[in-house]
Amino acid sequence: MRRLRPPPRAGGGARPAGYAQGVATPRPGTRAHTVQIARRLEEAQGPLPFARRHDPVSELVTTLLSHSTTDANQFRAFAALRERYPDWDDVRRAPVAEVEETIRVAGLANQKAPRIQAVLDALADDPRGADLEWLGDLPLPEAMGFLTSLPGVGPKTAGCVMCFCFDAPVVPADTHVHRIALRTGIVPPRSSAARAQERLSRWVPPGAAYATHMRLIAHGRTICTARAPRCAECPLLELCPTGRRLLRGVARRMI
């Protein structure tokens, strides 16, 4: 544990957001550092109780649709799929070309349609039930193992199902979460999204996985953006080596 001085302030202005006077800052890449990030985001954004948005199969399908597309197009494709087919068994039995056309707005339809149908085929054959509600009764590693055994389902997609449907202690690492984990030093440079998810899931305080994931998403969309992050306004600045480095560069250019 060490104390960090804030970056230089051009013109003697106010200290940037995210600094607490005289507070010891934990070293990046530690559990204490990750816990502080979760707490700072909670202080900045307020309470965020768990709320299930979809049943498990719907969550699985909409997450598969989300790959390599925008949120808006993902939502449009999912809505079109639900409007055209009354239930998931209808999607499973439909001609693949028809499903492709229905979800085309999400992009990569020629890959996503057969993948979704293959997943639904696998679920239909499972004696425990095609609705996946039984996942909530399994130990988390077993549930994650089952999901990642399905065609095209990786750790992030499996994590979304378990986090969003069962409030499981998984912090799915999408592009925003991965970017923040790298910039703040939760994970080392060039670490994969899977590594960021594993570390966040292990270190975020119990019961806070869902809220922390949602807060990281909001933070990545509004403050820690891919381009031109708003570091001077960031509540995580004291905990973020990248943000402090960027602000020092700005200050030097202004002198």
Foldseek 3Di string as FASTA:
>chain_A
DADDDFFDDAPPDDAFAQDDPPDDADDFQDLVLLQVVLVLLCVVPHDDDADADDQLLLLLLLVLLQPPADPVLSVQLSVQVVVVDVDLVCLLPDDLVVNLVSSVSSPPSVPSSVLSNQQQVVLVPDPVHSRCPCLLVDDVVVQQVVQCVRRPGDNLSSLSSCCNHNVQLWQRQDPQQVLQCDQLRNDDPPDDSVVSRVSSSVRHDPSCRNVSNVSSVVCQVPAVDPPPHPLSHDSNNSRGPNSSVVVNVVSVVSD
